[in-house]
Amino acid sequence: MAGIGEGSVHNFTKHCFCAIKSLHDVFVRPLTEEEKEQEKRWMEKHMGFGGLWQEGYLMYDGTIVVLYAQPGLDGAAYYTYKANYGINVQIGNTPSNLQIVDYSTGHTGLAYDVSAFEYTTAYCFPELLFRGEEFAWADLAYRASPHLVPIHKQPTSSLDYNTYFDCNVSSFCV
């Protein structure tokens, strides 16, 4: 009968993360200009966003990766508003195929999306992801910036044309 020896879990985890890390640059990378244009055409075709609105070819959202238990060091900082312990992950991906282009990890569950977003490539080095009028979409947990457009807050969200806009933006799946 086989068992797991001391240090096995550590070794298994190490090997899994080495394998994941070796594939990182293959799957997580900025889009080429041709891929960006494909995304913009997809936005126009599927979302009806023409003109400058189709320049939004990425979308950002945060999620919590739930931890099994409270961490021993600074455990309270990992407590989330959903009554569990977790790590905040920010993901920037394309709307058509959900390809991850940018991400940020490691923030405690208490970190708001807007705070954790400040560690993404889009925030720190926007010139690597955006050219000209290009920008990313986000939910209202994020602040508007030259390269990030959040959906509207009240009272402007109740205007007919903003409701239409927000409804289309909210149909993005991250």
Foldseek 3Di string as FASTA:
>chain_A
DDDADPCRVVVVVVVVVVVVVVCCVVQAAADDPVVQVVQLVCCCVPLVDDDLRSLAFKAKDKDWDFDPAQDPPPRVQQQAPVGGGTKIKMFIAGQPPRRTHKMFIDGHRNDFPQRRVCPICCNVPVVRHDDDQHAHEYAPSHDDDSRYDYQDDPPVCPDPVSVSVNVSSVVRDD
